[in-house]
């Protein structure tokens, strides 16, 4: 299948899932607005991408899976721009602690999730 078509369909599915999770997950954390949904989708996408990258290494059919799931789906699901925007808005609204917490949680949890995904993908 054409690479662009794979990325297109994967990205569409990831974007729809991100939107759905954003509607389902409460946006409150400790009784104050916190971008919990964006944090969750970024962590999930990091895990899935790590697993896909690890799994496709050495497999001939892996390139299509990497494009569909890794580039398309994970690219549509995760969102660095929303994370960045939410962090700046938290800081501008005088919530520097929440902004720093958002940065720390996104970086640390996404790195851990990516490492776990890489490990998991090797076991498949």
PDB file of N, CA and C in Angstrom:
ATOM      1  N   UNK A   1       0.848  -1.180   0.000  1.00  0.00           N
ATOM      2  CA  UNK A   1       0.000   0.000   0.000  1.00  0.00           C
ATOM      3  C   UNK A   1       0.893   1.242   0.000  1.00  0.00           C
ATOM      4  N   UNK A   2       0.404   2.290  -0.566  1.00  0.00           N
ATOM      5  CA  UNK A   2       1.134   3.547  -0.656  1.00  0.00           C
ATOM      6  C   UNK A   2       1.442   4.091   0.742  1.00  0.00           C
ATOM      7  N   UNK A   3       2.674   4.551   0.935  1.00  0.00           N
ATOM      8  CA  UNK A   3       3.120   5.056   2.243  1.00  0.00           C
ATOM      9  C   UNK A   3       2.256   6.215   2.725  1.00  0.00           C
ATOM     10  N   UNK A   4       1.894   7.109   1.840  1.00  0.00           N
ATOM     11  CA  UNK A   4       1.076   8.259   2.223  1.00  0.00           C
ATOM     12  C   UNK A   4      -0.311   7.834   2.697  1.00  0.00           C
ATOM     13  N   UNK A   5      -0.864   6.821   2.065  1.00  0.00           N
ATOM     14  CA  UNK A   5      -2.183   6.319   2.453  1.00  0.00           C
ATOM     15  C   UNK A   5      -2.113   5.692   3.839  1.00  0.00           C
ATOM     16  N   UNK A   6      -1.058   4.933   4.110  1.00  0.00           N
ATOM     17  CA  UNK A   6      -0.881   4.314   5.421  1.00  0.00           C
ATOM     18  C   UNK A   6      -0.771   5.376   6.522  1.00  0.00           C
ATOM     19  N   UNK A   7       0.034   6.382   6.288  1.00  0.00           N
ATOM     20  CA  UNK A   7       0.201   7.458   7.269  1.00  0.00           C
ATOM     21  C   UNK A   7      -1.112   8.222   7.440  1.00  0.00           C
ATOM     22  N   UNK A   8      -1.816   8.462   6.337  1.00  0.00           N
ATOM     23  CA  UNK A   8      -3.093   9.171   6.372  1.00  0.00           C
ATOM     24  C   UNK A   8      -4.105   8.439   7.250  1.00  0.00           C
ATOM     25  N   UNK A   9      -4.296   7.147   7.017  1.00  0.00           N
ATOM     26  CA  UNK A   9      -5.280   6.385   7.793  1.00  0.00           C
ATOM     27  C   UNK A   9      -4.850   6.240   9.251  1.00  0.00           C
ATOM     28  N   UNK A  10      -3.580   5.958   9.473  1.00  0.00           N
ATOM     29  CA  UNK A  10      -3.091   5.848  10.842  1.00  0.00           C
ATOM     30  C   UNK A  10      -3.236   7.157  11.600  1.00  0.00           C
ATOM     31  N   UNK A  11      -2.879   8.266  10.955  1.00  0.00           N
ATOM     32  CA  UNK A  11      -2.993   9.578  11.584  1.00  0.00           C
ATOM     33  C   UNK A  11      -4.436   9.937  11.903  1.00  0.00           C
ATOM     34  N   UNK A  12      -5.333   9.598  11.018  1.00  0.00           N
ATOM     35  CA  UNK A  12      -6.748   9.866  11.259  1.00  0.00           C
ATOM     36  C   UNK A  12      -7.264   9.096  12.465  1.00  0.00           C
ATOM     37  N   UNK A  13      -6.898   7.820  12.553  1.00  0.00           N
ATOM     38  CA  UNK A  13      -7.330   7.010  13.698  1.00  0.00           C
ATOM     39  C   UNK A  13      -6.740   7.536  15.006  1.00  0.00           C
ATOM     40  N   UNK A  14      -5.479   7.901  14.983  1.00  0.00           N
ATOM     41  CA  UNK A  14      -4.833   8.426  16.184  1.00  0.00           C
ATOM     42  C   UNK A  14      -5.450   9.740  16.626  1.00  0.00           C
ATOM     43  N   UNK A  15      -5.757  10.607  15.676  1.00  0.00           N
ATOM     44  CA  UNK A  15      -6.361  11.900  16.007  1.00  0.00           C
ATOM     45  C   UNK A  15      -7.755  11.736  16.592  1.00  0.00           C
ATOM     46  N   UNK A  16      -8.534  10.822  16.036  1.00  0.00           N
ATOM     47  CA  UNK A  16      -9.877  10.578  16.552  1.00  0.00           C
ATOM     48  C   UNK A  16      -9.800  10.001  17.969  1.00  0.00           C
ATOM     49  N   UNK A  17      -8.861   9.096  18.200  1.00  0.00           N
ATOM     50  CA  UNK A  17      -8.698   8.528  19.539  1.00  0.00           C
ATOM     51  C   UNK A  17      -8.266   9.604  20.532  1.00  0.00           C
ATOM     52  N   UNK A  18      -7.356  10.479  20.121  1.00  0.00           N
ATOM     53  CA  UNK A  18      -6.930  11.575  20.999  1.00  0.00           C
ATOM     54  C   UNK A  18      -8.120  12.447  21.372  1.00  0.00           C
ATOM     55  N   UNK A  19      -8.949  12.781  20.412  1.00  0.00           N
ATOM     56  CA  UNK A  19     -10.128  13.599  20.668  1.00  0.00           C
ATOM     57  C   UNK A  19     -11.083  12.877  21.622  1.00  0.00           C
ATOM     58  N   UNK A  20     -11.321  11.592  21.375  1.00  0.00           N
ATOM     59  CA  UNK A  20     -12.238  10.818  22.221  1.00  0.00           C
ATOM     60  C   UNK A  20     -11.720  10.731  23.653  1.00  0.00           C
ATOM     61  N   UNK A  21     -10.433  10.487  23.816  1.00  0.00           N
ATOM     62  CA  UNK A  21      -9.867  10.418  25.163  1.00  0.00           C
ATOM     63  C   UNK A  21      -9.954  11.772  25.860  1.00  0.00           C
ATOM     64  N   UNK A  22      -9.747  12.826  25.108  1.00  0.00           N
ATOM     65  CA  UNK A  22      -9.859  14.164  25.665  1.00  0.00           C
ATOM     66  C   UNK A  22     -11.266  14.469  26.161  1.00  0.00           C
ATOM     67  N   UNK A  23     -12.255  13.871  25.534  1.00  0.00           N
ATOM     68  CA  UNK A  23     -13.647  14.066  25.955  1.00  0.00           C
ATOM     69  C   UNK A  23     -13.995  13.174  27.146  1.00  0.00           C
ATOM     70  N   UNK A  24     -13.325  12.043  27.272  1.00  0.00           N
ATOM     71  CA  UNK A  24     -13.648  11.084  28.329  1.00  0.00           C
ATOM     72  C   UNK A  24     -12.890  11.330  29.628  1.00  0.00           C
ATOM     73  N   UNK A  25     -11.669  11.818  29.517  1.00  0.00           N
ATOM     74  CA  UNK A  25     -10.807  11.974  30.693  1.00  0.00           C
ATOM     75  C   UNK A  25     -11.075  13.325  31.340  1.00  0.00           C
ATOM     76  N   UNK A  26     -11.358  13.311  32.620  1.00  0.00           N
ATOM     77  CA  UNK A  26     -11.566  14.600  33.292  1.00  0.00           C
ATOM     78  C   UNK A  26     -10.315  15.467  33.179  1.00  0.00           C
ATOM     79  N   UNK A  27     -10.509  16.740  32.993  1.00  0.00           N
ATOM     80  CA  UNK A  27      -9.367  17.649  32.846  1.00  0.00           C
ATOM     81  C   UNK A  27      -8.968  18.260  34.175  1.00  0.00           C
ATOM     82  N   UNK A  28      -9.454  17.696  35.255  1.00  0.00           N
ATOM     83  CA  UNK A  28      -9.068  18.221  36.555  1.00  0.00           C
ATOM     84  C   UNK A  28      -8.081  17.300  37.228  1.00  0.00           C
ATOM     85  N   UNK A  29      -7.156  17.875  37.905  1.00  0.00           N
ATOM     86  CA  UNK A  29      -6.133  17.159  38.651  1.00  0.00           C
ATOM     87  C   UNK A  29      -5.977  17.904  39.957  1.00  0.00           C
ATOM     88  N   UNK A  30      -6.317  17.251  41.057  1.00  0.00           N
ATOM     89  CA  UNK A  30      -6.261  17.885  42.380  1.00  0.00           C
ATOM     90  C   UNK A  30      -7.114  19.161  42.412  1.00  0.00           C
ATOM     91  N   UNK A  31      -8.308  19.061  41.872  1.00  0.00           N
ATOM     92  CA  UNK A  31      -9.286  20.153  41.880  1.00  0.00           C
ATOM     93  C   UNK A  31      -8.879  21.386  41.079  1.00  0.00           C
ATOM     94  N   UNK A  32      -7.910  21.284  40.196  1.00  0.00           N
ATOM     95  CA  UNK A  32      -7.552  22.419  39.361  1.00  0.00           C
ATOM     96  C   UNK A  32      -7.256  21.921  37.952  1.00  0.00           C
ATOM     97  N   UNK A  33      -7.539  22.733  36.952  1.00  0.00           N
ATOM     98  CA  UNK A  33      -7.320  22.293  35.574  1.00  0.00           C
ATOM     99  C   UNK A  33      -5.874  21.880  35.316  1.00  0.00           C
ATOM    100  N   UNK A  34      -5.726  20.712  34.763  1.00  0.00           N
ATOM    101  CA  UNK A  34      -4.414  20.174  34.404  1.00  0.00           C
ATOM    102  C   UNK A  34      -4.600  19.349  33.141  1.00  0.00           C
ATOM    103  N   UNK A  35      -3.701  19.428  32.185  1.00  0.00           N
ATOM    104  CA  UNK A  35      -3.860  18.722  30.900  1.00  0.00           C
ATOM    105  C   UNK A  35      -3.609  17.212  31.002  1.00  0.00           C
ATOM    106  N   UNK A  36      -4.437  16.537  31.793  1.00  0.00           N
ATOM    107  CA  UNK A  36      -4.282  15.106  32.035  1.00  0.00           C
ATOM    108  C   UNK A  36      -4.439  14.281  30.760  1.00  0.00           C
ATOM    109  N   UNK A  37      -5.415  14.622  29.923  1.00  0.00           N
ATOM    110  CA  UNK A  37      -5.664  13.845  28.707  1.00  0.00           C
ATOM    111  C   UNK A  37      -4.471  13.894  27.766  1.00  0.00           C
ATOM    112  N   UNK A  38      -3.863  15.058  27.605  1.00  0.00           N
ATOM    113  CA  UNK A  38      -2.698  15.190  26.728  1.00  0.00           C
ATOM    114  C   UNK A  38      -1.529  14.381  27.285  1.00  0.00           C
ATOM    115  N   UNK A  39      -1.342  14.427  28.590  1.00  0.00           N
ATOM    116  CA  UNK A  39      -0.297  13.627  29.220  1.00  0.00           C
ATOM    117  C   UNK A  39      -0.518  12.146  28.940  1.00  0.00           C
ATOM    118  N   UNK A  40      -1.737  11.680  29.118  1.00  0.00           N
ATOM    119  CA  UNK A  40      -2.038  10.262  28.905  1.00  0.00           C
ATOM    120  C   UNK A  40      -1.797   9.839  27.460  1.00  0.00           C
ATOM    121  N   UNK A  41      -2.285  10.612  26.501  1.00  0.00           N
ATOM    122  CA  UNK A  41      -2.103  10.207  25.103  1.00  0.00           C
ATOM    123  C   UNK A  41      -0.630  10.246  24.703  1.00  0.00           C
ATOM    124  N   UNK A  42       0.128  11.183  25.244  1.00  0.00           N
ATOM    125  CA  UNK A  42       1.553  11.227  24.927  1.00  0.00           C
ATOM    126  C   UNK A  42       2.278  10.004  25.488  1.00  0.00           C
ATOM    127  N   UNK A  43       1.914   9.576  26.698  1.00  0.00           N
ATOM    128  CA  UNK A  43       2.539   8.394  27.303  1.00  0.00           C
ATOM    129  C   UNK A  43       2.149   7.142  26.518  1.00  0.00           C
ATOM    130  N   UNK A  44       0.879   6.995  26.187  1.00  0.00           N
ATOM    131  CA  UNK A  44       0.428   5.824  25.428  1.00  0.00           C
ATOM    132  C   UNK A  44       1.114   5.778  24.061  1.00  0.00           C
ATOM    133  N   UNK A  45       1.168   6.903  23.373  1.00  0.00           N
ATOM    134  CA  UNK A  45       1.807   6.949  22.056  1.00  0.00           C
ATOM    135  C   UNK A  45       3.294   6.621  22.156  1.00  0.00           C
ATOM    136  N   UNK A  46       3.956   7.059  23.210  1.00  0.00           N
ATOM    137  CA  UNK A  46       5.378   6.752  23.391  1.00  0.00           C
ATOM    138  C   UNK A  46       5.584   5.256  23.564  1.00  0.00           C
ATOM    139  N   UNK A  47       4.710   4.615  24.337  1.00  0.00           N
ATOM    140  CA  UNK A  47       4.804   3.168  24.521  1.00  0.00           C
ATOM    141  C   UNK A  47       4.565   2.431  23.210  1.00  0.00           C
ATOM    142  N   UNK A  48       3.491   2.794  22.519  1.00  0.00           N
ATOM    143  CA  UNK A  48       3.147   2.122  21.261  1.00  0.00           C
ATOM    144  C   UNK A  48       4.253   2.315  20.231  1.00  0.00           C
ATOM    145  N   UNK A  49       4.773   3.522  20.109  1.00  0.00           N
ATOM    146  CA  UNK A  49       5.838   3.780  19.147  1.00  0.00           C
ATOM    147  C   UNK A  49       7.092   2.972  19.489  1.00  0.00           C
ATOM    148  N   UNK A  50       7.450   2.922  20.777  1.00  0.00           N
ATOM    149  CA  UNK A  50       8.600   2.115  21.182  1.00  0.00           C
ATOM    150  C   UNK A  50       8.403   0.656  20.821  1.00  0.00           C
ATOM    151  N   UNK A  51       7.213   0.131  21.068  1.00  0.00           N
ATOM    152  CA  UNK A  51       6.929  -1.273  20.758  1.00  0.00           C
ATOM    153  C   UNK A  51       6.987  -1.533  19.260  1.00  0.00           C
ATOM    154  N   UNK A  52       6.422  -0.621  18.468  1.00  0.00           N
ATOM    155  CA  UNK A  52       6.416  -0.800  17.010  1.00  0.00           C
ATOM    156  C   UNK A  52       7.833  -0.729  16.456  1.00  0.00           C
ATOM    157  N   UNK A  53       8.600   0.260  16.887  1.00  0.00           N
ATOM    158  CA  UNK A  53       9.978   0.393  16.401  1.00  0.00           C
ATOM    159  C   UNK A  53      10.773  -0.858  16.730  1.00  0.00           C
ATOM    160  N   UNK A  54      10.636  -1.347  17.944  1.00  0.00           N
ATOM    161  CA  UNK A  54      11.358  -2.547  18.358  1.00  0.00           C
ATOM    162  C   UNK A  54      10.892  -3.769  17.570  1.00  0.00           C
ATOM    163  N   UNK A  55       9.599  -3.870  17.346  1.00  0.00           N
ATOM    164  CA  UNK A  55       9.037  -5.028  16.666  1.00  0.00           C
ATOM    165  C   UNK A  55       9.424  -5.077  15.193  1.00  0.00           C
ATOM    166  N   UNK A  56       9.466  -3.932  14.521  1.00  0.00           N
ATOM    167  CA  UNK A  56       9.721  -3.938  13.079  1.00  0.00           C
ATOM    168  C   UNK A  56      11.177  -4.213  12.733  1.00  0.00           C
ATOM    169  N   UNK A  57      12.071  -4.032  13.682  1.00  0.00           N
ATOM    170  CA  UNK A  57      13.486  -4.293  13.396  1.00  0.00           C
ATOM    171  C   UNK A  57      13.647  -5.759  13.013  1.00  0.00           C
ATOM    172  N   UNK A  58      14.151  -5.987  11.821  1.00  0.00           N
ATOM    173  CA  UNK A  58      14.402  -7.340  11.354  1.00  0.00           C
ATOM    174  C   UNK A  58      13.214  -8.037  10.723  1.00  0.00           C
ATOM    175  N   UNK A  59      12.125  -7.356  10.512  1.00  0.00           N
ATOM    176  CA  UNK A  59      10.957  -7.966   9.888  1.00  0.00           C
ATOM    177  C   UNK A  59      10.702  -7.290   8.544  1.00  0.00           C
ATOM    178  N   UNK A  60      10.466  -8.083   7.534  1.00  0.00           N
ATOM    179  CA  UNK A  60      10.293  -7.530   6.195  1.00  0.00           C
ATOM    180  C   UNK A  60       8.978  -6.762   6.058  1.00  0.00           C
ATOM    181  N   UNK A  61       7.932  -7.166   6.752  1.00  0.00           N
ATOM    182  CA  UNK A  61       6.644  -6.484   6.659  1.00  0.00           C
ATOM    183  C   UNK A  61       6.568  -5.309   7.618  1.00  0.00           C
ATOM    184  N   UNK A  62       7.641  -5.063   8.346  1.00  0.00           N
ATOM    185  CA  UNK A  62       7.617  -4.061   9.389  1.00  0.00           C
ATOM    186  C   UNK A  62       7.481  -2.635   8.904  1.00  0.00           C
ATOM    187  N   UNK A  63       7.939  -2.331   7.699  1.00  0.00           N
ATOM    188  CA  UNK A  63       7.898  -0.945   7.219  1.00  0.00           C
ATOM    189  C   UNK A  63       6.462  -0.441   7.098  1.00  0.00           C
ATOM    190  N   UNK A  64       5.559  -1.264   6.612  1.00  0.00           N
ATOM    191  CA  UNK A  64       4.161  -0.834   6.510  1.00  0.00           C
ATOM    192  C   UNK A  64       3.555  -0.625   7.891  1.00  0.00           C
ATOM    193  N   UNK A  65       3.871  -1.500   8.840  1.00  0.00           N
ATOM    194  CA  UNK A  65       3.373  -1.338  10.216  1.00  0.00           C
ATOM    195  C   UNK A  65       3.953  -0.076  10.838  1.00  0.00           C
ATOM    196  N   UNK A  66       5.218   0.201  10.587  1.00  0.00           N
ATOM    197  CA  UNK A  66       5.854   1.399  11.127  1.00  0.00           C
ATOM    198  C   UNK A  66       5.178   2.653  10.596  1.00  0.00           C
ATOM    199  N   UNK A  67       4.860   2.657   9.305  1.00  0.00           N
ATOM    200  CA  UNK A  67       4.203   3.825   8.704  1.00  0.00           C
ATOM    201  C   UNK A  67       2.773   3.996   9.218  1.00  0.00           C
ATOM    202  N   UNK A  68       2.013   2.909   9.246  1.00  0.00           N
ATOM    203  CA  UNK A  68       0.620   2.971   9.667  1.00  0.00           C
ATOM    204  C   UNK A  68       0.491   3.296  11.153  1.00  0.00           C
ATOM    205  N   UNK A  69       1.210   2.556  11.977  1.00  0.00           N
ATOM    206  CA  UNK A  69       1.048   2.695  13.428  1.00  0.00           C
ATOM    207  C   UNK A  69       2.037   3.694  14.008  1.00  0.00           C
ATOM    208  N   UNK A  70       3.309   3.557  13.672  1.00  0.00           N
ATOM    209  CA  UNK A  70       4.329   4.416  14.265  1.00  0.00           C
ATOM    210  C   UNK A  70       4.232   5.855  13.817  1.00  0.00           C
ATOM    211  N   UNK A  71       4.276   6.078  12.518  1.00  0.00           N
ATOM    212  CA  UNK A  71       4.245   7.451  11.996  1.00  0.00           C
ATOM    213  C   UNK A  71       2.827   8.010  12.019  1.00  0.00           C
ATOM    214  N   UNK A  72       1.875   7.266  11.480  1.00  0.00           N
ATOM    215  CA  UNK A  72       0.505   7.761  11.373  1.00  0.00           C
ATOM    216  C   UNK A  72      -0.240   7.785  12.692  1.00  0.00           C
ATOM    217  N   UNK A  73      -0.513   6.597  13.251  1.00  0.00           N
ATOM    218  CA  UNK A  73      -1.324   6.505  14.455  1.00  0.00           C
ATOM    219  C   UNK A  73      -0.687   7.232  15.637  1.00  0.00           C
ATOM    220  N   UNK A  74       0.575   6.942  15.928  1.00  0.00           N
ATOM    221  CA  UNK A  74       1.234   7.599  17.072  1.00  0.00           C
ATOM    222  C   UNK A  74       1.415   9.093  16.823  1.00  0.00           C
ATOM    223  N   UNK A  75       1.671   9.477  15.588  1.00  0.00           N
ATOM    224  CA  UNK A  75       1.784  10.898  15.261  1.00  0.00           C
ATOM    225  C   UNK A  75       0.470  11.628  15.443  1.00  0.00           C
ATOM    226  N   UNK A  76      -0.642  10.966  15.100  1.00  0.00           N
ATOM    227  CA  UNK A  76      -1.951  11.575  15.285  1.00  0.00           C
ATOM    228  C   UNK A  76      -2.403  11.556  16.734  1.00  0.00           C
ATOM    229  N   UNK A  77      -2.005  10.523  17.464  1.00  0.00           N
ATOM    230  CA  UNK A  77      -2.419  10.386  18.859  1.00  0.00           C
ATOM    231  C   UNK A  77      -1.664  11.335  19.780  1.00  0.00           C
ATOM    232  N   UNK A  78      -0.366  11.368  19.648  1.00  0.00           N
ATOM    233  CA  UNK A  78       0.421  12.218  20.543  1.00  0.00           C
ATOM    234  C   UNK A  78       0.403  13.656  20.039  1.00  0.00           C
ATOM    235  N   UNK A  79       0.755  14.568  20.923  1.00  0.00           N
ATOM    236  CA  UNK A  79       0.678  15.962  20.517  1.00  0.00           C
ATOM    237  C   UNK A  79       1.633  16.826  21.308  1.00  0.00           C
ATOM    238  N   UNK A  80       2.760  17.106  20.710  1.00  0.00           N
ATOM    239  CA  UNK A  80       3.742  17.979  21.354  1.00  0.00           C
ATOM    240  C   UNK A  80       3.262  19.426  21.362  1.00  0.00           C
ATOM    241  N   UNK A  81       2.555  19.805  20.323  1.00  0.00           N
ATOM    242  CA  UNK A  81       2.087  21.192  20.254  1.00  0.00           C
ATOM    243  C   UNK A  81       1.066  21.485  21.347  1.00  0.00           C
ATOM    244  N   UNK A  82       0.141  20.569  21.610  1.00  0.00           N
ATOM    245  CA  UNK A  82      -0.830  20.786  22.687  1.00  0.00           C
ATOM    246  C   UNK A  82      -0.142  20.787  24.048  1.00  0.00           C
ATOM    247  N   UNK A  83       0.811  19.881  24.227  1.00  0.00           N
ATOM    248  CA  UNK A  83       1.591  19.852  25.468  1.00  0.00           C
ATOM    249  C   UNK A  83       2.289  21.199  25.678  1.00  0.00           C
ATOM    250  N   UNK A  84       2.918  21.700  24.641  1.00  0.00           N
ATOM    251  CA  UNK A  84       3.628  22.978  24.735  1.00  0.00           C
ATOM    252  C   UNK A  84       2.664  24.122  25.035  1.00  0.00           C
ATOM    253  N   UNK A  85       1.560  24.167  24.316  1.00  0.00           N
ATOM    254  CA  UNK A  85       0.572  25.222  24.506  1.00  0.00           C
ATOM    255  C   UNK A  85      -0.018  25.175  25.923  1.00  0.00           C
ATOM    256  N   UNK A  86      -0.377  23.985  26.380  1.00  0.00           N
ATOM    257  CA  UNK A  86      -0.931  23.848  27.730  1.00  0.00           C
ATOM    258  C   UNK A  86       0.073  24.319  28.784  1.00  0.00           C
ATOM    259  N   UNK A  87       1.336  23.980  28.585  1.00  0.00           N
ATOM    260  CA  UNK A  87       2.371  24.363  29.542  1.00  0.00           C
ATOM    261  C   UNK A  87       2.534  25.881  29.589  1.00  0.00           C
ATOM    262  N   UNK A  88       2.571  26.516  28.429  1.00  0.00           N
ATOM    263  CA  UNK A  88       2.693  27.976  28.378  1.00  0.00           C
ATOM    264  C   UNK A  88       1.472  28.637  29.021  1.00  0.00           C
ATOM    265  N   UNK A  89       0.284  28.125  28.732  1.00  0.00           N
ATOM    266  CA  UNK A  89      -0.932  28.696  29.325  1.00  0.00           C
ATOM    267  C   UNK A  89      -0.934  28.552  30.846  1.00  0.00           C
ATOM    268  N   UNK A  90      -0.490  27.411  31.344  1.00  0.00           N
ATOM    269  CA  UNK A  90      -0.397  27.237  32.797  1.00  0.00           C
ATOM    270  C   UNK A  90       0.526  28.303  33.394  1.00  0.00           C
ATOM    271  N   UNK A  91       1.682  28.490  32.784  1.00  0.00           N
ATOM    272  CA  UNK A  91       2.649  29.476  33.285  1.00  0.00           C
ATOM    273  C   UNK A  91       2.092  30.890  33.185  1.00  0.00           C
ATOM    274  N   UNK A  92       1.455  31.221  32.068  1.00  0.00           N
ATOM    275  CA  UNK A  92       0.891  32.565  31.893  1.00  0.00           C
ATOM    276  C   UNK A  92      -0.225  32.858  32.891  1.00  0.00           C
ATOM    277  N   UNK A  93      -0.901  31.814  33.330  1.00  0.00           N
ATOM    278  CA  UNK A  93      -1.986  31.977  34.292  1.00  0.00           C
ATOM    279  C   UNK A  93      -1.491  31.895  35.733  1.00  0.00           C
ATOM    280  N   UNK A  94      -0.185  32.047  35.922  1.00  0.00           N
ATOM    281  CA  UNK A  94       0.383  32.069  37.257  1.00  0.00           C
ATOM    282  C   UNK A  94       0.504  30.713  37.919  1.00  0.00           C
ATOM    283  N   UNK A  95       0.424  29.650  37.141  1.00  0.00           N
ATOM    284  CA  UNK A  95       0.504  28.296  37.674  1.00  0.00           C
ATOM    285  C   UNK A  95       1.833  27.655  37.268  1.00  0.00           C
ATOM    286  N   UNK A  96       2.914  28.301  37.666  1.00  0.00           N
ATOM    287  CA  UNK A  96       4.247  27.846  37.287  1.00  0.00           C
ATOM    288  C   UNK A  96       4.524  26.441  37.801  1.00  0.00           C
ATOM    289  N   UNK A  97       4.087  26.128  39.007  1.00  0.00           N
ATOM    290  CA  UNK A  97       4.282  24.783  39.555  1.00  0.00           C
ATOM    291  C   UNK A  97       3.614  23.726  38.694  1.00  0.00           C
ATOM    292  N   UNK A  98       2.382  23.990  38.261  1.00  0.00           N
ATOM    293  CA  UNK A  98       1.670  23.052  37.400  1.00  0.00           C
ATOM    294  C   UNK A  98       2.349  22.948  36.038  1.00  0.00           C
ATOM    295  N   UNK A  99       2.862  24.063  35.533  1.00  0.00           N
ATOM    296  CA  UNK A  99       3.570  24.045  34.248  1.00  0.00           C
ATOM    297  C   UNK A  99       4.824  23.181  34.349  1.00  0.00           C
ATOM    298  N   UNK A 100       5.579  23.357  35.423  1.00  0.00           N
ATOM    299  CA  UNK A 100       6.793  22.555  35.613  1.00  0.00           C
ATOM    300  C   UNK A 100       6.453  21.084  35.828  1.00  0.00           C
ATOM    301  N   UNK A 101       5.372  20.819  36.569  1.00  0.00           N
ATOM    302  CA  UNK A 101       4.924  19.441  36.763  1.00  0.00           C
ATOM    303  C   UNK A 101       4.545  18.819  35.424  1.00  0.00           C
ATOM    304  N   UNK A 102       3.864  19.571  34.574  1.00  0.00           N
ATOM    305  CA  UNK A 102       3.477  19.081  33.258  1.00  0.00           C
ATOM    306  C   UNK A 102       4.705  18.728  32.418  1.00  0.00           C
ATOM    307  N   UNK A 103       5.707  19.582  32.456  1.00  0.00           N
ATOM    308  CA  UNK A 103       6.948  19.310  31.715  1.00  0.00           C
ATOM    309  C   UNK A 103       7.608  18.039  32.253  1.00  0.00           C
ATOM    310  N   UNK A 104       7.770  17.980  33.569  1.00  0.00           N
ATOM    311  CA  UNK A 104       8.437  16.830  34.177  1.00  0.00           C
ATOM    312  C   UNK A 104       7.713  15.524  33.921  1.00  0.00           C
ATOM    313  N   UNK A 105       6.397  15.528  34.109  1.00  0.00           N
ATOM    314  CA  UNK A 105       5.626  14.302  33.899  1.00  0.00           C
ATOM    315  C   UNK A 105       5.666  13.852  32.449  1.00  0.00           C
ATOM    316  N   UNK A 106       5.508  14.786  31.514  1.00  0.00           N
ATOM    317  CA  UNK A 106       5.539  14.410  30.103  1.00  0.00           C
ATOM    318  C   UNK A 106       6.889  13.831  29.706  1.00  0.00           C
ATOM    319  N   UNK A 107       7.961  14.485  30.106  1.00  0.00           N
ATOM    320  CA  UNK A 107       9.288  14.014  29.709  1.00  0.00           C
ATOM    321  C   UNK A 107       9.602  12.667  30.362  1.00  0.00           C
ATOM    322  N   UNK A 108       9.450  12.580  31.664  1.00  0.00           N
ATOM    323  CA  UNK A 108       9.839  11.361  32.377  1.00  0.00           C
ATOM    324  C   UNK A 108       8.933  10.185  32.005  1.00  0.00           C
ATOM    325  N   UNK A 109       7.621  10.386  32.067  1.00  0.00           N
ATOM    326  CA  UNK A 109       6.714   9.278  31.777  1.00  0.00           C
ATOM    327  C   UNK A 109       6.795   8.822  30.326  1.00  0.00           C
ATOM    328  N   UNK A 110       6.980   9.758  29.398  1.00  0.00           N
ATOM    329  CA  UNK A 110       7.099   9.369  27.989  1.00  0.00           C
ATOM    330  C   UNK A 110       8.391   8.609  27.727  1.00  0.00           C
ATOM    331  N   UNK A 111       9.483   9.013  28.377  1.00  0.00           N
ATOM    332  CA  UNK A 111      10.733   8.266  28.220  1.00  0.00           C
ATOM    333  C   UNK A 111      10.611   6.857  28.805  1.00  0.00           C
ATOM    334  N   UNK A 112      10.005   6.750  29.962  1.00  0.00           N
ATOM    335  CA  UNK A 112       9.803   5.434  30.584  1.00  0.00           C
ATOM    336  C   UNK A 112       8.883   4.573  29.709  1.00  0.00           C
ATOM    337  N   UNK A 113       7.812   5.167  29.211  1.00  0.00           N
ATOM    338  CA  UNK A 113       6.882   4.431  28.348  1.00  0.00           C
ATOM    339  C   UNK A 113       7.555   3.986  27.057  1.00  0.00           C
ATOM    340  N   UNK A 114       8.383   4.829  26.490  1.00  0.00           N
ATOM    341  CA  UNK A 114       9.098   4.465  25.269  1.00  0.00           C
ATOM    342  C   UNK A 114      10.057   3.302  25.524  1.00  0.00           C
ATOM    343  N   UNK A 115      10.790   3.364  26.623  1.00  0.00           N
ATOM    344  CA  UNK A 115      11.705   2.275  26.976  1.00  0.00           C
ATOM    345  C   UNK A 115      10.936   0.981  27.220  1.00  0.00           C
ATOM    346  N   UNK A 116       9.795   1.087  27.916  1.00  0.00           N
ATOM    347  CA  UNK A 116       8.969  -0.098  28.163  1.00  0.00           C
ATOM    348  C   UNK A 116       8.425  -0.662  26.845  1.00  0.00           C
ATOM    349  N   UNK A 117       8.035   0.226  25.945  1.00  0.00           N
ATOM    350  CA  UNK A 117       7.557  -0.216  24.635  1.00  0.00           C
ATOM    351  C   UNK A 117       8.646  -0.906  23.826  1.00  0.00           C
ATOM    352  N   UNK A 118       9.855  -0.361  23.873  1.00  0.00           N
ATOM    353  CA  UNK A 118      10.969  -1.010  23.172  1.00  0.00           C
ATOM    354  C   UNK A 118      11.217  -2.407  23.727  1.00  0.00           C
ATOM    355  N   UNK A 119      11.169  -2.534  25.052  1.00  0.00           N
ATOM    356  CA  UNK A 119      11.344  -3.842  25.680  1.00  0.00           C
ATOM    357  C   UNK A 119      10.223  -4.786  25.283  1.00  0.00           C
ATOM    358  N   UNK A 120       8.988  -4.297  25.347  1.00  0.00           N
ATOM    359  CA  UNK A 120       7.831  -5.108  25.021  1.00  0.00           C
ATOM    360  C   UNK A 120       7.859  -5.574  23.564  1.00  0.00           C
ATOM    361  N   UNK A 121       8.226  -4.674  22.659  1.00  0.00           N
ATOM    362  CA  UNK A 121       8.299  -5.011  21.241  1.00  0.00           C
ATOM    363  C   UNK A 121       9.310  -6.104  20.934  1.00  0.00           C
ATOM    364  N   UNK A 122      10.375  -6.182  21.707  1.00  0.00           N
ATOM    365  CA  UNK A 122      11.363  -7.249  21.523  1.00  0.00           C
ATOM    366  C   UNK A 122      10.806  -8.600  21.924  1.00  0.00           C
ATOM    367  N   UNK A 123       9.829  -8.607  22.819  1.00  0.00           N
ATOM    368  CA  UNK A 123       9.245  -9.849  23.332  1.00  0.00           C
ATOM    369  C   UNK A 123       8.170 -10.397  22.418  1.00  0.00           C
ATOM    370  N   UNK A 124       7.687  -9.580  21.481  1.00  0.00           N
ATOM    371  CA  UNK A 124       6.631 -10.038  20.556  1.00  0.00           C
ATOM    372  C   UNK A 124       7.154 -10.995  19.530  1.00  0.00           C
TER     373      UNK A 124
END
